[in-house]
Amino acid sequence: MQYDHDPEYEFVDCEVETYKKRLFATVDEFLSYKAINTFPTKIGTQAIYTWKNKDYDFAESLCISKEFNDLATAIWNAYKEFISVCKRNLK
């Protein structure tokens, strides 16, 4: 993410900054996975690549969908940890 190494956007508290970087890394992992495994549709949404292929593999599609869900859950958990650390350290 663009603010990762910009001192203007760093927290002075090292623990808070560490958790922010974890959150950013988790979001970056999700976005990278999305970029590799989806394509834009005509109606402005994203679809999993396997849906576009003639040799459509439902099992592969489910595997990709599960990975998206797991990555989204990881973002949520990283966000909750970040907020918790912020509340504790930034009073």
C-alpha atoms as a PDB file:
ATOM      1  CA  MET A   1       0.000   0.000   0.000  1.00  0.00           C
ATOM      2  CA  GLN A   2       1.191   3.488  -0.718  1.00  0.00           C
ATOM      3  CA  TYR A   3       1.622   4.713   2.884  1.00  0.00           C
ATOM      4  CA  ASP A   4       3.663   1.750   4.072  1.00  0.00           C
ATOM      5  CA  HIS A   5       7.051   3.490   4.013  1.00  0.00           C
ATOM      6  CA  ASP A   6       6.055   7.152   4.173  1.00  0.00           C
ATOM      7  CA  PRO A   7       7.188   8.639   7.526  1.00  0.00           C
ATOM      8  CA  GLU A   8       4.332  11.112   7.373  1.00  0.00           C
ATOM      9  CA  TYR A   9       1.918   8.213   7.850  1.00  0.00           C
ATOM     10  CA  GLU A  10       3.824   6.242  10.495  1.00  0.00           C
ATOM     11  CA  PHE A  11       2.704   5.870  14.089  1.00  0.00           C
ATOM     12  CA  VAL A  12       5.226   6.844  16.752  1.00  0.00           C
ATOM     13  CA  ASP A  13       4.148   3.836  18.824  1.00  0.00           C
ATOM     14  CA  CYS A  14       6.107   0.839  17.462  1.00  0.00           C
ATOM     15  CA  GLU A  15       3.472  -1.734  18.431  1.00  0.00           C
ATOM     16  CA  VAL A  16       0.720   0.197  16.651  1.00  0.00           C
ATOM     17  CA  GLU A  17       2.931   0.603  13.579  1.00  0.00           C
ATOM     18  CA  THR A  18       3.660  -3.142  13.566  1.00  0.00           C
ATOM     19  CA  TYR A  19      -0.031  -4.007  13.616  1.00  0.00           C
ATOM     20  CA  LYS A  20      -0.748  -1.424  10.903  1.00  0.00           C
ATOM     21  CA  LYS A  21       1.872  -3.051   8.684  1.00  0.00           C
ATOM     22  CA  ARG A  22       0.333  -6.471   9.342  1.00  0.00           C
ATOM     23  CA  LEU A  23      -3.065  -5.141   8.299  1.00  0.00           C
ATOM     24  CA  PHE A  24      -1.622  -3.563   5.144  1.00  0.00           C
ATOM     25  CA  ALA A  25       0.204  -6.796   4.269  1.00  0.00           C
ATOM     26  CA  THR A  26      -3.011  -8.784   4.689  1.00  0.00           C
ATOM     27  CA  VAL A  27      -4.950  -6.376   2.471  1.00  0.00           C
ATOM     28  CA  ASP A  28      -2.148  -6.471  -0.101  1.00  0.00           C
ATOM     29  CA  GLU A  29      -2.244 -10.291  -0.132  1.00  0.00           C
ATOM     30  CA  PHE A  30      -6.020 -10.205  -0.768  1.00  0.00           C
ATOM     31  CA  LEU A  31      -5.693  -7.647  -3.575  1.00  0.00           C
ATOM     32  CA  SER A  32      -2.885  -9.604  -5.221  1.00  0.00           C
ATOM     33  CA  TYR A  33      -4.940 -12.793  -5.103  1.00  0.00           C
ATOM     34  CA  LYS A  34      -7.914 -10.919  -6.572  1.00  0.00           C
ATOM     35  CA  ALA A  35      -5.779  -9.515  -9.396  1.00  0.00           C
ATOM     36  CA  ILE A  36      -4.531 -12.978 -10.334  1.00  0.00           C
ATOM     37  CA  ASN A  37      -7.798 -14.894 -10.016  1.00  0.00           C
ATOM     38  CA  THR A  38     -10.535 -12.569 -11.327  1.00  0.00           C
ATOM     39  CA  PHE A  39     -11.543 -10.568 -14.373  1.00  0.00           C
ATOM     40  CA  PRO A  40     -13.929  -7.606 -14.739  1.00  0.00           C
ATOM     41  CA  THR A  41     -17.390  -8.307 -16.102  1.00  0.00           C
ATOM     42  CA  LYS A  42     -19.518  -6.074 -18.326  1.00  0.00           C
ATOM     43  CA  ILE A  43     -21.739  -5.120 -15.378  1.00  0.00           C
ATOM     44  CA  GLY A  44     -18.858  -3.763 -13.288  1.00  0.00           C
ATOM     45  CA  THR A  45     -18.264  -6.717 -10.992  1.00  0.00           C
ATOM     46  CA  GLN A  46     -15.410  -9.225 -10.778  1.00  0.00           C
ATOM     47  CA  ALA A  47     -15.697 -12.920 -11.642  1.00  0.00           C
ATOM     48  CA  ILE A  48     -13.372 -15.827 -10.962  1.00  0.00           C
ATOM     49  CA  TYR A  49     -11.326 -16.763 -14.047  1.00  0.00           C
ATOM     50  CA  THR A  50     -12.467 -20.382 -14.081  1.00  0.00           C
ATOM     51  CA  TRP A  51     -16.001 -19.179 -14.882  1.00  0.00           C
ATOM     52  CA  LYS A  52     -14.731 -17.711 -18.155  1.00  0.00           C
ATOM     53  CA  ASN A  53     -12.894 -20.831 -19.315  1.00  0.00           C
ATOM     54  CA  LYS A  54     -14.493 -23.421 -21.582  1.00  0.00           C
ATOM     55  CA  ASP A  55     -13.041 -26.169 -19.408  1.00  0.00           C
ATOM     56  CA  TYR A  56     -14.809 -24.755 -16.341  1.00  0.00           C
ATOM     57  CA  ASP A  57     -13.799 -26.587 -13.166  1.00  0.00           C
ATOM     58  CA  PHE A  58     -16.351 -26.199 -10.372  1.00  0.00           C
ATOM     59  CA  ALA A  59     -13.972 -27.679  -7.764  1.00  0.00           C
ATOM     60  CA  GLU A  60     -11.270 -25.160  -8.666  1.00  0.00           C
ATOM     61  CA  SER A  61     -13.822 -22.361  -8.473  1.00  0.00           C
ATOM     62  CA  LEU A  62     -14.828 -23.485  -4.983  1.00  0.00           C
ATOM     63  CA  CYS A  63     -11.187 -23.615  -3.929  1.00  0.00           C
ATOM     64  CA  ILE A  64     -10.613 -20.058  -5.165  1.00  0.00           C
ATOM     65  CA  SER A  65     -13.812 -18.855  -3.466  1.00  0.00           C
ATOM     66  CA  LYS A  66     -12.720 -20.448  -0.190  1.00  0.00           C
ATOM     67  CA  GLU A  67      -9.323 -18.750  -0.439  1.00  0.00           C
ATOM     68  CA  PHE A  68     -11.074 -15.386  -0.969  1.00  0.00           C
ATOM     69  CA  ASN A  69     -13.154 -16.022   2.141  1.00  0.00           C
ATOM     70  CA  ASP A  70     -10.082 -17.034   4.140  1.00  0.00           C
ATOM     71  CA  LEU A  71      -8.188 -13.929   3.019  1.00  0.00           C
ATOM     72  CA  ALA A  72     -11.157 -11.695   3.848  1.00  0.00           C
ATOM     73  CA  THR A  73     -11.349 -13.280   7.300  1.00  0.00           C
ATOM     74  CA  ALA A  74      -7.618 -12.629   7.744  1.00  0.00           C
ATOM     75  CA  ILE A  75      -8.200  -8.947   6.912  1.00  0.00           C
ATOM     76  CA  TRP A  76     -11.023  -8.751   9.447  1.00  0.00           C
ATOM     77  CA  ASN A  77      -8.875 -10.360  12.140  1.00  0.00           C
ATOM     78  CA  ALA A  78      -5.900  -8.084  11.380  1.00  0.00           C
ATOM     79  CA  TYR A  79      -8.216  -5.063  11.491  1.00  0.00           C
ATOM     80  CA  LYS A  80      -9.652  -6.083  14.869  1.00  0.00           C
ATOM     81  CA  GLU A  81      -6.147  -6.582  16.287  1.00  0.00           C
ATOM     82  CA  PHE A  82      -5.027  -3.214  14.919  1.00  0.00           C
ATOM     83  CA  ILE A  83      -8.009  -1.381  16.424  1.00  0.00           C
ATOM     84  CA  SER A  84      -7.514  -3.148  19.754  1.00  0.00           C
ATOM     85  CA  VAL A  85      -3.843  -2.144  19.904  1.00  0.00           C
ATOM     86  CA  CYS A  86      -4.728   1.431  18.908  1.00  0.00           C
ATOM     87  CA  LYS A  87      -7.343   1.693  21.665  1.00  0.00           C
ATOM     88  CA  ARG A  88      -4.898   0.334  24.222  1.00  0.00           C
ATOM     89  CA  ASN A  89      -1.850   2.373  23.195  1.00  0.00           C
ATOM     90  CA  LEU A  90      -3.230   5.637  21.822  1.00  0.00           C
ATOM     91  CA  LYS A  91      -5.114   7.099  24.762  1.00  0.00           C
END
